[in-house]
Amino acid sequence: PIPSLKREMRNLSEECNLEPITVSMAYVYFEKLVLQGKLNKQNRKLCAGACVLLAAKISSDLRKHEVKHLIDKLEERFRFNRRDLIGFEFTVLVALELALYLPENQVLPHYRRLTQQS
């Protein structure tokens, strides 16, 4: 299910006009959660959604209505409640040890792949 979740993350990000670098960051966050064993069947969509939301907030200059639009899209695409997403965002932030600024060497491989696919 992880590749299909990443595909959903990419498609949703494109719908919301997020930059490839934002998607790349979301992928890195998501993979870190996977490697920590934080993902399970119940929370994997929330994890994916929270990673996209955090990446968008940290790497894009989003206005309030754009954040709301992104949350609406995440809720619709991943079929979860926005309240759960907002609560889970903090859980993911803690799991990532608040380290949202990523070194280039973690982000660039994803970024290259995404820009070559487009």
C-alpha atoms as a PDB file:
ATOM      1  CA  PRO A   1       0.000   0.000   0.000  1.00  0.00           C
ATOM      2  CA  ILE A   2       2.937   2.419   0.456  1.00  0.00           C
ATOM      3  CA  PRO A   3       3.588   3.043  -3.274  1.00  0.00           C
ATOM      4  CA  SER A   4      -0.125   3.643  -3.873  1.00  0.00           C
ATOM      5  CA  LEU A   5      -0.264   6.059  -0.915  1.00  0.00           C
ATOM      6  CA  LYS A   6       2.713   7.948  -2.312  1.00  0.00           C
ATOM      7  CA  ARG A   7       0.952   8.103  -5.691  1.00  0.00           C
ATOM      8  CA  GLU A   8      -2.130   9.533  -3.975  1.00  0.00           C
ATOM      9  CA  MET A   9       0.057  12.063  -2.165  1.00  0.00           C
ATOM     10  CA  ARG A  10       1.577  13.155  -5.492  1.00  0.00           C
ATOM     11  CA  ASN A  11      -1.771  13.361  -7.311  1.00  0.00           C
ATOM     12  CA  LEU A  12      -3.366  15.352  -4.516  1.00  0.00           C
ATOM     13  CA  SER A  13      -0.384  17.705  -4.365  1.00  0.00           C
ATOM     14  CA  GLU A  14      -0.629  18.315  -8.106  1.00  0.00           C
ATOM     15  CA  GLU A  15      -4.361  19.052  -7.771  1.00  0.00           C
ATOM     16  CA  CYS A  16      -3.544  21.623  -5.102  1.00  0.00           C
ATOM     17  CA  ASN A  17      -0.692  23.099  -7.205  1.00  0.00           C
ATOM     18  CA  LEU A  18       1.981  22.212  -4.678  1.00  0.00           C
ATOM     19  CA  GLU A  19       5.572  22.276  -5.903  1.00  0.00           C
ATOM     20  CA  PRO A  20       7.465  19.003  -6.525  1.00  0.00           C
ATOM     21  CA  ILE A  21       9.849  19.960  -3.718  1.00  0.00           C
ATOM     22  CA  THR A  22       6.880  19.948  -1.314  1.00  0.00           C
ATOM     23  CA  VAL A  23       5.858  16.464  -2.439  1.00  0.00           C
ATOM     24  CA  SER A  24       9.478  15.332  -2.067  1.00  0.00           C
ATOM     25  CA  MET A  25       9.543  16.576   1.516  1.00  0.00           C
ATOM     26  CA  ALA A  26       6.239  14.828   2.261  1.00  0.00           C
ATOM     27  CA  TYR A  27       7.731  11.592   0.886  1.00  0.00           C
ATOM     28  CA  VAL A  28      10.771  11.901   3.176  1.00  0.00           C
ATOM     29  CA  TYR A  29       8.570  12.543   6.224  1.00  0.00           C
ATOM     30  CA  PHE A  30       6.407   9.557   5.279  1.00  0.00           C
ATOM     31  CA  GLU A  31       9.408   7.255   4.766  1.00  0.00           C
ATOM     32  CA  LYS A  32      10.843   8.272   8.128  1.00  0.00           C
ATOM     33  CA  LEU A  33       7.580   7.234   9.783  1.00  0.00           C
ATOM     34  CA  VAL A  34       7.672   3.921   7.905  1.00  0.00           C
ATOM     35  CA  LEU A  35      11.265   3.284   9.001  1.00  0.00           C
ATOM     36  CA  GLN A  36      10.349   4.064  12.614  1.00  0.00           C
ATOM     37  CA  GLY A  37       7.555   1.486  12.426  1.00  0.00           C
ATOM     38  CA  LYS A  38       4.905   4.129  13.137  1.00  0.00           C
ATOM     39  CA  LEU A  39       2.625   3.090  10.277  1.00  0.00           C
ATOM     40  CA  ASN A  40      -0.195   0.593  10.581  1.00  0.00           C
ATOM     41  CA  LYS A  41      -3.357  -0.186   8.656  1.00  0.00           C
ATOM     42  CA  GLN A  42      -5.435   2.185  10.785  1.00  0.00           C
ATOM     43  CA  ASN A  43      -3.202   5.253  10.577  1.00  0.00           C
ATOM     44  CA  ARG A  44      -1.363   5.066   7.237  1.00  0.00           C
ATOM     45  CA  LYS A  45      -3.740   7.419   5.401  1.00  0.00           C
ATOM     46  CA  LEU A  46      -3.624   9.883   8.289  1.00  0.00           C
ATOM     47  CA  CYS A  47       0.174   9.657   8.229  1.00  0.00           C
ATOM     48  CA  ALA A  48       0.246  10.368   4.498  1.00  0.00           C
ATOM     49  CA  GLY A  49      -2.178  13.275   4.875  1.00  0.00           C
ATOM     50  CA  ALA A  50      -0.308  14.790   7.809  1.00  0.00           C
ATOM     51  CA  CYS A  51       3.002  14.528   5.904  1.00  0.00           C
ATOM     52  CA  VAL A  52       1.548  16.409   2.918  1.00  0.00           C
ATOM     53  CA  LEU A  53       0.036  19.041   5.196  1.00  0.00           C
ATOM     54  CA  LEU A  54       3.264  19.566   7.155  1.00  0.00           C
ATOM     55  CA  ALA A  55       5.363  19.729   3.981  1.00  0.00           C
ATOM     56  CA  ALA A  56       2.970  22.237   2.439  1.00  0.00           C
ATOM     57  CA  LYS A  57       3.029  24.418   5.535  1.00  0.00           C
ATOM     58  CA  ILE A  58       6.814  24.384   5.830  1.00  0.00           C
ATOM     59  CA  SER A  59       7.824  24.721   2.161  1.00  0.00           C
ATOM     60  CA  SER A  60       5.013  26.766   0.604  1.00  0.00           C
ATOM     61  CA  ASP A  61       3.789  30.239   1.278  1.00  0.00           C
ATOM     62  CA  LEU A  62       0.175  29.148   1.744  1.00  0.00           C
ATOM     63  CA  ARG A  63      -2.632  31.519   2.584  1.00  0.00           C
ATOM     64  CA  LYS A  64      -5.277  30.499   5.115  1.00  0.00           C
ATOM     65  CA  HIS A  65      -7.824  29.605   2.400  1.00  0.00           C
ATOM     66  CA  GLU A  66      -5.197  27.518   0.563  1.00  0.00           C
ATOM     67  CA  VAL A  67      -4.495  25.503   3.728  1.00  0.00           C
ATOM     68  CA  LYS A  68      -8.237  24.992   4.169  1.00  0.00           C
ATOM     69  CA  HIS A  69      -8.523  23.865   0.531  1.00  0.00           C
ATOM     70  CA  LEU A  70      -5.647  21.411   1.033  1.00  0.00           C
ATOM     71  CA  ILE A  71      -7.282  19.998   4.174  1.00  0.00           C
ATOM     72  CA  ASP A  72     -10.590  19.652   2.283  1.00  0.00           C
ATOM     73  CA  LYS A  73      -8.812  17.757  -0.505  1.00  0.00           C
ATOM     74  CA  LEU A  74      -6.942  15.518   1.964  1.00  0.00           C
ATOM     75  CA  GLU A  75     -10.180  14.733   3.784  1.00  0.00           C
ATOM     76  CA  GLU A  76     -11.918  13.900   0.509  1.00  0.00           C
ATOM     77  CA  ARG A  77      -9.074  11.852  -1.020  1.00  0.00           C
ATOM     78  CA  PHE A  78      -8.040   9.828   2.029  1.00  0.00           C
ATOM     79  CA  ARG A  79     -11.543   9.629   3.551  1.00  0.00           C
ATOM     80  CA  PHE A  80     -10.754  10.710   7.088  1.00  0.00           C
ATOM     81  CA  ASN A  81     -12.094  13.361   9.404  1.00  0.00           C
ATOM     82  CA  ARG A  82     -10.326  16.752   9.388  1.00  0.00           C
ATOM     83  CA  ARG A  83     -10.318  16.789  13.198  1.00  0.00           C
ATOM     84  CA  ASP A  84      -8.404  13.484  13.171  1.00  0.00           C
ATOM     85  CA  LEU A  85      -5.966  14.925  10.629  1.00  0.00           C
ATOM     86  CA  ILE A  86      -5.291  18.063  12.655  1.00  0.00           C
ATOM     87  CA  GLY A  87      -4.710  15.983  15.793  1.00  0.00           C
ATOM     88  CA  PHE A  88      -2.506  13.539  13.936  1.00  0.00           C
ATOM     89  CA  GLU A  89      -0.424  16.339  12.467  1.00  0.00           C
ATOM     90  CA  PHE A  90       1.049  16.943  15.918  1.00  0.00           C
ATOM     91  CA  THR A  91       1.674  13.214  16.429  1.00  0.00           C
ATOM     92  CA  VAL A  92       3.657  13.127  13.178  1.00  0.00           C
ATOM     93  CA  LEU A  93       5.529  16.293  14.126  1.00  0.00           C
ATOM     94  CA  VAL A  94       6.610  14.655  17.400  1.00  0.00           C
ATOM     95  CA  ALA A  95       7.567  11.411  15.629  1.00  0.00           C
ATOM     96  CA  LEU A  96       9.742  13.461  13.263  1.00  0.00           C
ATOM     97  CA  GLU A  97      11.273  15.151  16.331  1.00  0.00           C
ATOM     98  CA  LEU A  98      10.183  18.549  14.953  1.00  0.00           C
ATOM     99  CA  ALA A  99      12.823  18.158  12.209  1.00  0.00           C
ATOM    100  CA  LEU A 100      10.839  19.507   9.268  1.00  0.00           C
ATOM    101  CA  TYR A 101      13.751  21.213   7.533  1.00  0.00           C
ATOM    102  CA  LEU A 102      15.466  18.414   5.660  1.00  0.00           C
ATOM    103  CA  PRO A 103      18.979  18.137   4.238  1.00  0.00           C
ATOM    104  CA  GLU A 104      19.146  18.318   0.438  1.00  0.00           C
ATOM    105  CA  ASN A 105      20.527  14.797   0.124  1.00  0.00           C
ATOM    106  CA  GLN A 106      17.278  13.380   1.568  1.00  0.00           C
ATOM    107  CA  VAL A 107      14.953  15.433  -0.637  1.00  0.00           C
ATOM    108  CA  LEU A 108      16.762  15.604  -3.987  1.00  0.00           C
ATOM    109  CA  PRO A 109      16.381  11.947  -5.068  1.00  0.00           C
ATOM    110  CA  HIS A 110      12.590  12.246  -4.781  1.00  0.00           C
ATOM    111  CA  TYR A 111      12.602  15.660  -6.395  1.00  0.00           C
ATOM    112  CA  ARG A 112      14.590  14.412  -9.391  1.00  0.00           C
ATOM    113  CA  ARG A 113      12.283  11.431  -9.829  1.00  0.00           C
ATOM    114  CA  LEU A 114       9.172  13.627  -9.634  1.00  0.00           C
ATOM    115  CA  THR A 115      10.448  16.216 -12.095  1.00  0.00           C
ATOM    116  CA  GLN A 116      11.533  13.518 -14.558  1.00  0.00           C
ATOM    117  CA  GLN A 117       8.079  11.886 -14.389  1.00  0.00           C
ATOM    118  CA  SER A 118       6.262  15.161 -15.120  1.00  0.00           C
END
